[in-house]
Amino acid sequence: MGYLNFTKYLYLFAALFFAVDAATHWQDNPKPWISVGIALVSLFLYFFRNHFGKKFKNRQNSSQP
């Protein structure tokens, strides 16, 4: 289960990477909406995985005697 704690930070890194990519290419003719979308989805997935990881950990700790 250790790799699942690591993958949520990959989502955070991807969100940061695509946000910086969108900011640097903002002046291009077609606006970088794909990069903005991927950054927002990655940020959502980070918080989603973080929330359910804590929920799973609390349930696992409460079920042990």
C-alpha atoms as a PDB file:
ATOM      1  CA  MET A   1       0.000   0.000   0.000  1.00  0.00           C
ATOM      2  CA  GLY A   2       2.986   2.309   0.155  1.00  0.00           C
ATOM      3  CA  TYR A   3       2.899   3.099  -3.540  1.00  0.00           C
ATOM      4  CA  LEU A   4      -0.644   4.464  -3.256  1.00  0.00           C
ATOM      5  CA  ASN A   5       0.593   7.149  -0.870  1.00  0.00           C
ATOM      6  CA  PHE A   6       3.246   8.053  -3.446  1.00  0.00           C
ATOM      7  CA  THR A   7       0.915   8.275  -6.442  1.00  0.00           C
ATOM      8  CA  LYS A   8      -1.166  11.086  -4.968  1.00  0.00           C
ATOM      9  CA  TYR A   9       1.936  13.265  -5.075  1.00  0.00           C
ATOM     10  CA  LEU A  10       2.380  12.383  -8.742  1.00  0.00           C
ATOM     11  CA  TYR A  11      -1.036  13.943  -9.353  1.00  0.00           C
ATOM     12  CA  LEU A  12       0.088  17.064  -7.510  1.00  0.00           C
ATOM     13  CA  PHE A  13       3.284  17.202  -9.570  1.00  0.00           C
ATOM     14  CA  ALA A  14       1.304  16.772 -12.805  1.00  0.00           C
ATOM     15  CA  ALA A  15      -1.043  19.603 -11.782  1.00  0.00           C
ATOM     16  CA  LEU A  16       1.903  21.892 -11.111  1.00  0.00           C
ATOM     17  CA  PHE A  17       3.626  20.922 -14.357  1.00  0.00           C
ATOM     18  CA  PHE A  18       0.564  21.542 -16.526  1.00  0.00           C
ATOM     19  CA  ALA A  19      -0.277  24.789 -14.722  1.00  0.00           C
ATOM     20  CA  VAL A  20       3.223  26.090 -15.424  1.00  0.00           C
ATOM     21  CA  ASP A  21       2.940  24.873 -19.013  1.00  0.00           C
ATOM     22  CA  ALA A  22      -0.355  26.726 -19.442  1.00  0.00           C
ATOM     23  CA  ALA A  23       1.070  29.897 -17.891  1.00  0.00           C
ATOM     24  CA  THR A  24       4.131  29.923 -20.135  1.00  0.00           C
ATOM     25  CA  HIS A  25       2.117  29.299 -23.321  1.00  0.00           C
ATOM     26  CA  TRP A  26      -0.786  31.603 -22.472  1.00  0.00           C
ATOM     27  CA  GLN A  27       0.162  34.159 -25.136  1.00  0.00           C
ATOM     28  CA  ASP A  28       0.013  31.592 -27.963  1.00  0.00           C
ATOM     29  CA  ASN A  29      -2.843  31.944 -30.403  1.00  0.00           C
ATOM     30  CA  PRO A  30      -4.881  28.920 -29.326  1.00  0.00           C
ATOM     31  CA  LYS A  31      -5.104  29.235 -25.573  1.00  0.00           C
ATOM     32  CA  PRO A  32      -3.740  26.181 -23.740  1.00  0.00           C
ATOM     33  CA  TRP A  33      -7.092  24.979 -22.407  1.00  0.00           C
ATOM     34  CA  ILE A  34      -6.021  21.343 -22.536  1.00  0.00           C
ATOM     35  CA  SER A  35      -3.159  22.048 -20.127  1.00  0.00           C
ATOM     36  CA  VAL A  36      -5.497  23.973 -17.835  1.00  0.00           C
ATOM     37  CA  GLY A  37      -8.005  21.119 -17.921  1.00  0.00           C
ATOM     38  CA  ILE A  38      -5.404  18.474 -17.167  1.00  0.00           C
ATOM     39  CA  ALA A  39      -4.060  20.606 -14.294  1.00  0.00           C
ATOM     40  CA  LEU A  40      -7.536  20.949 -12.790  1.00  0.00           C
ATOM     41  CA  VAL A  41      -8.321  17.249 -13.154  1.00  0.00           C
ATOM     42  CA  SER A  42      -4.967  16.320 -11.604  1.00  0.00           C
ATOM     43  CA  LEU A  43      -5.578  18.670  -8.698  1.00  0.00           C
ATOM     44  CA  PHE A  44      -9.034  17.177  -8.182  1.00  0.00           C
ATOM     45  CA  LEU A  45      -7.586  13.648  -8.264  1.00  0.00           C
ATOM     46  CA  TYR A  46      -4.970  14.600  -5.672  1.00  0.00           C
ATOM     47  CA  PHE A  47      -7.607  15.817  -3.217  1.00  0.00           C
ATOM     48  CA  PHE A  48      -9.923  12.907  -4.044  1.00  0.00           C
ATOM     49  CA  ARG A  49      -7.207  10.336  -3.406  1.00  0.00           C
ATOM     50  CA  ASN A  50      -6.045  12.126  -0.279  1.00  0.00           C
ATOM     51  CA  HIS A  51      -9.575  12.210   1.161  1.00  0.00           C
ATOM     52  CA  PHE A  52     -10.333   8.566   0.470  1.00  0.00           C
ATOM     53  CA  GLY A  53      -6.884   7.461   1.611  1.00  0.00           C
ATOM     54  CA  LYS A  54      -7.525   9.032   5.007  1.00  0.00           C
ATOM     55  CA  LYS A  55     -11.006   7.534   5.104  1.00  0.00           C
ATOM     56  CA  PHE A  56      -9.650   4.069   4.311  1.00  0.00           C
ATOM     57  CA  LYS A  57      -6.901   4.400   6.919  1.00  0.00           C
ATOM     58  CA  ASN A  58      -9.386   5.464   9.605  1.00  0.00           C
ATOM     59  CA  ARG A  59     -11.680   2.558   8.783  1.00  0.00           C
ATOM     60  CA  GLN A  60      -8.753   0.129   8.851  1.00  0.00           C
ATOM     61  CA  ASN A  61      -7.563   1.441  12.236  1.00  0.00           C
ATOM     62  CA  SER A  62     -11.028   1.309  13.785  1.00  0.00           C
ATOM     63  CA  SER A  63     -11.676  -2.276  12.692  1.00  0.00           C
ATOM     64  CA  GLN A  64      -8.587  -3.638  14.460  1.00  0.00           C
ATOM     65  CA  PRO A  65      -9.192  -4.683  18.096  1.00  0.00           C
END
